[in-house]
Amino acid sequence: MTQATDPVCYRHSNRVTYLRCSRCDRPICPACTNDAAVGQHCPECAGGGRSGQRQGRTAFGGTLAGQHGHVTMTLIGINVAVAVLAAIVGGMEAIGGGAWGGLLGGNTPLHYWGALVAGEHGFTIPYGDEQGRLVATADGVVNGEYYRLLTSMFLHYGIFHLLLNMWALWVVGGVLEPLLGRVRFLALYLVSGLGGSVAVYLTAGSDVELFGRSMFGSLATPTAGASGAVFGLFGAFYVVMRRLGRDTSAITTILVINLIFTFTVSGISVAGHLGGLVTGALVAFGLAYAPRQRRTAVQLLTVGGAAVILAVLTVLRTVAAS
């Protein structure tokens, strides 16, 4: 029987207890205790103590939440969802039957809307019923459709194209996101992809040949894919591993193989791959080598500065084409 003088748990009035919170001194029953470095805490004090503790950080300032890989999985999910949408609106042509012996897909109404094309009336896509096929005409970035620099990063030509990029994103993102943290990794991915898109825009129409073929697309060439962003992650992977003093032979081999394919296989965006690679490496250098005392400020300046430079280059290219 409980006596009037017996202390009871402040959360359970029917439970007699002689335990007390070592922070607020309130009586707590064994079910409400939270072990602490000294004594035990009640639920409120335990929660307050956790919120007051400094959250763990990676070597580059990111939170440990990046260990779950949520950004990598989300990016893959977005790319897959866009591919499904392209298949719904474009049919089998979005899946395969195009270049590389049918492994790549073709243009769909979604590609007409979001693929990267530089010049005015860059390319046309016929679609509709057999009785009266409609023809869609893209106006291109030069006419102010700057959104294409971003949307083209999430469009792919067929299942094979999608799987190649998503596999690379899964492998490299699985290493970089835990090291950089979610926000820094996402910023790196997006800025790298934009770097690839801007490089395509800047070089479109350039008459440069290597191995008997043009290195850059025409003003009317549609370009799409996450390859620019993925190449940016390749470059960042190399920089980060060097910063940590780890072996870089594996990523060097992968880079060399991918660059050989980039320069020798037709239909691959040379500018997109190189632009993404260079942008990703430079941004990663700022993220990885930022001095600890001013790390966040330097990292913000790096990412923001890269975005501003890409924006200025885009505007200058548009002005020059006017």
Protein backbone atom coordinates (compact mmCIF):
# COMPACT_ATOMS: atom_id res chain seq x y z
CA MET A 1 0.00 0.00 0.00
CA THR A 2 1.36 3.41 -1.00
CA GLN A 3 1.96 5.81 1.89
CA ALA A 4 1.32 9.53 1.46
CA THR A 5 5.01 10.21 2.03
CA ASP A 6 6.29 7.70 -0.54
CA PRO A 7 7.63 9.39 -3.69
CA VAL A 8 5.92 8.38 -6.92
CA CYS A 9 7.06 8.61 -10.51
CA TYR A 10 6.14 12.00 -11.95
CA ARG A 11 4.86 10.25 -15.08
CA HIS A 12 3.13 7.34 -13.34
CA SER A 13 1.39 8.45 -10.15
CA ASN A 14 0.63 4.88 -9.10
CA ARG A 15 4.26 3.76 -9.08
CA VAL A 16 6.33 4.25 -5.94
CA THR A 17 10.00 4.90 -6.72
CA TYR A 18 13.13 6.01 -4.96
CA LEU A 19 15.00 6.77 -8.19
CA ARG A 20 15.50 10.37 -9.19
CA CYS A 21 16.62 12.10 -12.36
CA SER A 22 20.22 13.19 -11.86
CA ARG A 23 19.52 16.42 -13.78
CA CYS A 24 16.12 17.70 -12.57
CA ASP A 25 15.81 15.55 -9.40
CA ARG A 26 12.28 14.46 -10.23
CA PRO A 27 11.31 10.94 -9.07
CA ILE A 28 11.18 8.43 -11.93
CA CYS A 29 10.30 4.76 -12.07
CA PRO A 30 12.61 2.18 -13.70
CA ALA A 31 10.49 2.22 -16.88
CA CYS A 32 11.18 5.93 -17.36
CA THR A 33 14.91 5.94 -16.73
CA ASN A 34 17.50 6.65 -19.41
CA ASP A 35 21.06 5.69 -18.57
CA ALA A 36 23.47 8.61 -18.64
CA ALA A 37 27.20 9.03 -18.12
CA VAL A 38 26.38 9.95 -14.51
CA GLY A 39 23.24 8.48 -12.97
CA GLN A 40 20.01 8.33 -14.97
CA HIS A 41 17.83 10.90 -16.72
CA CYS A 42 14.10 11.27 -17.10
CA PRO A 43 12.74 11.23 -20.71
CA GLU A 44 12.56 15.04 -20.95
CA CYS A 45 16.10 15.60 -19.69
CA ALA A 46 17.43 12.77 -21.85
CA GLY A 47 15.85 14.36 -24.92
CA GLY A 48 17.14 17.78 -24.03
CA GLY A 49 20.61 16.40 -23.48
CA ARG A 50 20.66 14.73 -26.91
CA SER A 51 19.47 17.88 -28.65
CA GLY A 52 22.16 19.88 -26.92
CA GLN A 53 24.95 17.57 -28.01
CA ARG A 54 26.95 18.41 -31.10
CA GLN A 55 25.98 16.15 -33.96
CA GLY A 56 28.69 13.89 -35.35
CA ARG A 57 30.38 15.09 -38.53
CA THR A 58 32.34 13.49 -41.31
CA ALA A 59 35.89 14.50 -42.22
CA PHE A 60 34.41 17.00 -44.71
CA GLY A 61 31.79 18.54 -42.43
CA GLY A 62 28.73 16.55 -43.48
CA THR A 63 26.34 14.99 -40.99
CA LEU A 64 26.41 11.26 -40.43
CA ALA A 65 22.90 11.02 -41.92
CA GLY A 66 24.59 10.57 -45.29
CA GLN A 67 25.50 7.03 -44.25
CA HIS A 68 21.96 5.95 -45.08
CA GLY A 69 22.34 6.86 -48.76
CA HIS A 70 18.96 8.57 -48.97
CA VAL A 71 20.05 11.18 -51.53
CA THR A 72 21.59 8.56 -53.82
CA MET A 73 18.45 6.43 -53.66
CA THR A 74 16.21 9.46 -54.22
CA LEU A 75 18.17 10.54 -57.30
CA ILE A 76 17.96 7.02 -58.71
CA GLY A 77 14.23 6.97 -57.98
CA ILE A 78 13.68 10.27 -59.81
CA ASN A 79 15.60 9.07 -62.87
CA VAL A 80 13.67 5.80 -62.97
CA ALA A 81 10.34 7.61 -62.54
CA VAL A 82 11.14 9.95 -65.43
CA ALA A 83 12.09 6.94 -67.59
CA VAL A 84 8.76 5.29 -66.79
CA LEU A 85 6.93 8.49 -67.67
CA ALA A 86 8.83 8.70 -70.97
CA ALA A 87 7.79 5.12 -71.75
CA ILE A 88 4.17 5.91 -70.95
CA VAL A 89 4.02 8.93 -73.27
CA GLY A 90 6.44 7.62 -75.91
CA GLY A 91 5.81 3.88 -76.04
CA MET A 92 8.46 1.32 -76.95
CA GLU A 93 10.59 3.96 -78.64
CA ALA A 94 11.56 5.21 -75.18
CA ILE A 95 12.89 1.78 -74.18
CA GLY A 96 15.10 0.63 -77.05
CA GLY A 97 15.46 0.16 -80.76
CA GLY A 98 17.75 3.14 -81.33
CA ALA A 99 21.52 3.45 -81.67
CA TRP A 100 24.17 1.00 -80.49
CA GLY A 101 22.47 -1.94 -82.15
CA GLY A 102 19.09 -1.16 -80.66
CA LEU A 103 20.31 -0.80 -77.06
CA LEU A 104 19.40 2.88 -76.88
CA GLY A 105 15.97 4.43 -77.14
CA GLY A 106 14.72 7.32 -79.22
CA ASN A 107 13.13 10.70 -78.68
CA THR A 108 9.69 10.96 -77.11
CA PRO A 109 7.42 13.94 -76.41
CA LEU A 110 9.10 14.11 -72.99
CA HIS A 111 12.50 14.42 -74.66
CA TYR A 112 11.10 17.14 -76.91
CA TRP A 113 10.15 19.06 -73.79
CA GLY A 114 13.19 18.45 -71.57
CA ALA A 115 16.24 17.28 -73.54
CA LEU A 116 19.10 19.71 -73.98
CA VAL A 117 19.13 21.36 -77.38
CA ALA A 118 21.09 24.53 -78.01
CA GLY A 119 19.72 26.24 -81.11
CA GLU A 120 16.39 27.59 -82.18
CA HIS A 121 14.04 24.91 -83.56
CA GLY A 122 16.70 22.37 -82.77
CA PHE A 123 14.89 19.13 -83.48
CA THR A 124 11.44 17.82 -84.27
CA ILE A 125 9.63 14.82 -82.87
CA PRO A 126 6.65 13.35 -84.69
CA TYR A 127 4.02 11.84 -82.43
CA GLY A 128 0.28 11.28 -82.43
CA ASP A 129 -2.00 8.81 -84.17
CA GLU A 130 -1.44 7.29 -87.60
CA GLN A 131 -4.07 9.49 -89.17
CA GLY A 132 -2.45 12.80 -88.36
CA ARG A 133 0.95 12.75 -86.73
CA LEU A 134 1.89 15.92 -84.88
CA VAL A 135 5.34 17.42 -85.03
CA ALA A 136 6.80 19.11 -81.94
CA THR A 137 9.60 21.62 -82.39
CA ALA A 138 12.06 22.50 -79.64
CA ASP A 139 13.08 26.15 -79.35
CA GLY A 140 16.30 25.42 -77.47
CA VAL A 141 18.27 27.08 -74.69
CA VAL A 142 19.28 29.95 -76.95
CA ASN A 143 15.63 31.05 -76.96
CA GLY A 144 15.44 31.13 -73.18
CA GLU A 145 14.55 27.51 -72.36
CA TYR A 146 17.20 27.36 -69.65
CA TYR A 147 15.30 24.70 -67.74
CA ARG A 148 16.67 22.19 -70.26
CA LEU A 149 20.08 22.50 -68.61
CA LEU A 150 18.55 20.81 -65.55
CA THR A 151 15.77 18.59 -66.93
CA SER A 152 18.08 16.92 -69.44
CA MET A 153 20.02 15.47 -66.49
CA PHE A 154 17.07 13.23 -65.61
CA LEU A 155 16.15 12.01 -69.10
CA HIS A 156 17.69 8.93 -70.73
CA TYR A 157 17.68 7.22 -74.09
CA GLY A 158 16.46 3.72 -73.36
CA ILE A 159 16.81 1.20 -70.53
CA PHE A 160 20.47 0.42 -71.25
CA HIS A 161 21.44 4.10 -70.99
CA LEU A 162 19.49 4.43 -67.75
CA LEU A 163 20.95 1.27 -66.18
CA LEU A 164 24.55 2.26 -66.96
CA ASN A 165 24.19 5.66 -65.30
CA MET A 166 22.18 4.42 -62.33
CA TRP A 167 24.64 1.62 -61.61
CA ALA A 168 27.51 4.13 -61.61
CA LEU A 169 25.51 6.51 -59.39
CA TRP A 170 24.75 3.71 -56.94
CA VAL A 171 28.38 2.58 -56.69
CA VAL A 172 30.07 5.99 -56.48
CA GLY A 173 27.26 7.66 -54.54
CA GLY A 174 27.43 4.86 -51.98
CA VAL A 175 30.96 6.01 -51.14
CA LEU A 176 30.72 9.78 -51.56
CA GLU A 177 27.42 10.48 -49.79
CA PRO A 178 28.55 8.99 -46.44
CA LEU A 179 31.81 10.94 -46.70
CA LEU A 180 30.41 14.31 -47.77
CA GLY A 181 27.00 14.20 -46.12
CA ARG A 182 23.64 14.58 -47.82
CA VAL A 183 23.63 18.33 -48.58
CA ARG A 184 27.17 18.49 -49.91
CA PHE A 185 26.72 15.36 -52.00
CA LEU A 186 23.49 16.65 -53.54
CA ALA A 187 25.10 20.01 -54.32
CA LEU A 188 28.05 18.23 -55.93
CA TYR A 189 25.76 16.08 -58.08
CA LEU A 190 23.58 18.94 -59.30
CA VAL A 191 26.42 21.36 -60.01
CA SER A 192 28.37 18.62 -61.83
CA GLY A 193 25.34 17.85 -63.97
CA LEU A 194 24.87 21.54 -64.75
CA GLY A 195 28.55 21.75 -65.63
CA GLY A 196 28.06 19.02 -68.19
CA SER A 197 24.95 20.69 -69.62
CA VAL A 198 26.62 24.10 -69.87
CA ALA A 199 29.61 22.51 -71.61
CA VAL A 200 27.26 21.01 -74.20
CA TYR A 201 25.61 24.38 -74.70
CA LEU A 202 28.93 26.20 -75.08
CA THR A 203 30.38 23.76 -77.63
CA ALA A 204 27.25 23.00 -79.69
CA GLY A 205 27.94 23.66 -83.35
CA SER A 206 31.74 23.63 -82.94
CA ASP A 207 33.52 22.01 -85.89
CA VAL A 208 36.09 19.89 -84.05
CA GLU A 209 36.95 16.40 -85.28
CA LEU A 210 38.86 13.54 -83.69
CA PHE A 211 39.16 9.94 -84.87
CA GLY A 212 37.26 10.93 -87.99
CA ARG A 213 34.13 12.21 -86.26
CA SER A 214 32.81 15.44 -84.83
CA MET A 215 33.50 15.79 -81.13
CA PHE A 216 30.59 18.07 -80.38
CA GLY A 217 26.96 18.02 -81.41
CA SER A 218 25.26 20.50 -83.68
CA LEU A 219 22.87 23.18 -82.51
CA ALA A 220 20.10 20.74 -83.34
CA THR A 221 21.47 17.71 -81.49
CA PRO A 222 19.33 16.67 -78.50
CA THR A 223 21.35 15.60 -75.46
CA ALA A 224 20.11 13.89 -72.32
CA GLY A 225 21.33 11.72 -69.46
CA ALA A 226 22.88 11.78 -66.01
CA SER A 227 26.34 11.11 -67.47
CA GLY A 228 27.60 14.65 -66.80
CA ALA A 229 26.68 14.38 -63.12
CA VAL A 230 28.09 10.84 -62.90
CA PHE A 231 31.39 11.91 -64.46
CA GLY A 232 31.44 14.73 -61.91
CA LEU A 233 31.15 12.11 -59.18
CA PHE A 234 34.03 10.19 -60.78
CA GLY A 235 36.20 13.29 -60.59
CA ALA A 236 35.08 14.01 -57.03
CA PHE A 237 35.78 10.42 -56.01
CA TYR A 238 39.38 10.78 -57.15
CA VAL A 239 39.85 14.10 -55.32
CA VAL A 240 38.29 12.84 -52.08
CA MET A 241 40.32 9.63 -52.08
CA ARG A 242 43.51 11.63 -52.62
CA ARG A 243 42.54 13.92 -49.73
CA LEU A 244 42.07 10.91 -47.46
CA GLY A 245 45.34 9.35 -48.59
CA ARG A 246 43.64 6.28 -50.02
CA ASP A 247 44.44 4.26 -53.13
CA THR A 248 43.06 5.86 -56.33
CA SER A 249 44.11 3.19 -58.84
CA ALA A 250 40.60 1.74 -59.15
CA ILE A 251 38.88 5.05 -59.94
CA THR A 252 41.76 6.02 -62.25
CA THR A 253 41.21 2.84 -64.27
CA ILE A 254 37.46 3.47 -64.44
CA LEU A 255 38.04 7.04 -65.57
CA VAL A 256 40.47 6.03 -68.31
CA ILE A 257 38.10 3.36 -69.65
CA ASN A 258 35.15 5.76 -69.65
CA LEU A 259 37.18 8.49 -71.35
CA ILE A 260 38.24 6.05 -74.08
CA PHE A 261 34.59 5.21 -74.71
CA THR A 262 33.71 8.90 -74.62
CA PHE A 263 36.14 9.79 -77.39
CA THR A 264 35.75 6.71 -79.58
CA VAL A 265 32.09 5.66 -79.47
CA SER A 266 29.71 7.69 -81.61
CA GLY A 267 26.60 9.19 -80.08
CA ILE A 268 28.24 9.99 -76.73
CA SER A 269 28.31 13.59 -75.55
CA VAL A 270 32.00 14.42 -75.25
CA ALA A 271 31.34 17.91 -73.92
CA GLY A 272 28.81 16.65 -71.38
CA HIS A 273 31.19 14.07 -69.96
CA LEU A 274 34.23 16.35 -69.84
CA GLY A 275 32.25 19.32 -68.50
CA GLY A 276 30.81 17.23 -65.70
CA LEU A 277 34.19 15.68 -64.90
CA VAL A 278 36.01 18.99 -64.63
CA THR A 279 33.21 20.68 -62.68
CA GLY A 280 32.87 17.80 -60.22
CA ALA A 281 36.62 17.63 -59.61
CA LEU A 282 36.91 21.37 -58.99
CA VAL A 283 33.91 21.50 -56.64
CA ALA A 284 35.16 18.43 -54.78
CA PHE A 285 38.55 20.08 -54.34
CA GLY A 286 36.86 22.99 -52.57
CA LEU A 287 34.78 20.64 -50.43
CA ALA A 288 37.66 18.36 -49.51
CA TYR A 289 40.46 20.86 -48.93
CA ALA A 290 38.50 23.62 -47.18
CA PRO A 291 40.35 24.64 -43.98
CA ARG A 292 38.62 23.32 -40.90
CA GLN A 293 38.33 26.73 -39.25
CA ARG A 294 36.38 28.20 -42.20
CA ARG A 295 35.18 24.96 -43.75
CA THR A 296 31.49 25.73 -44.19
CA ALA A 297 32.11 29.21 -45.59
CA VAL A 298 34.69 27.96 -48.10
CA GLN A 299 32.46 25.08 -49.15
CA LEU A 300 29.49 27.38 -49.68
CA LEU A 301 31.68 29.75 -51.67
CA THR A 302 32.93 26.86 -53.79
CA VAL A 303 29.49 25.52 -54.69
CA GLY A 304 27.92 28.96 -55.07
CA GLY A 305 30.85 30.27 -57.08
CA ALA A 306 30.70 27.31 -59.46
CA ALA A 307 26.96 27.85 -59.97
CA VAL A 308 27.48 31.56 -60.66
CA ILE A 309 30.28 30.89 -63.17
CA LEU A 310 28.10 28.38 -65.02
CA ALA A 311 25.24 30.88 -65.08
CA VAL A 312 27.49 33.63 -66.47
CA LEU A 313 28.87 31.32 -69.17
CA THR A 314 25.33 30.40 -70.17
CA VAL A 315 24.27 34.02 -70.47
CA LEU A 316 27.39 34.94 -72.46
CA ARG A 317 26.76 32.05 -74.87
CA THR A 318 23.16 33.17 -75.35
CA VAL A 319 24.20 36.77 -75.95
CA ALA A 320 26.83 35.70 -78.48
CA ALA A 321 24.24 33.66 -80.37
CA SER A 322 21.76 36.53 -80.51
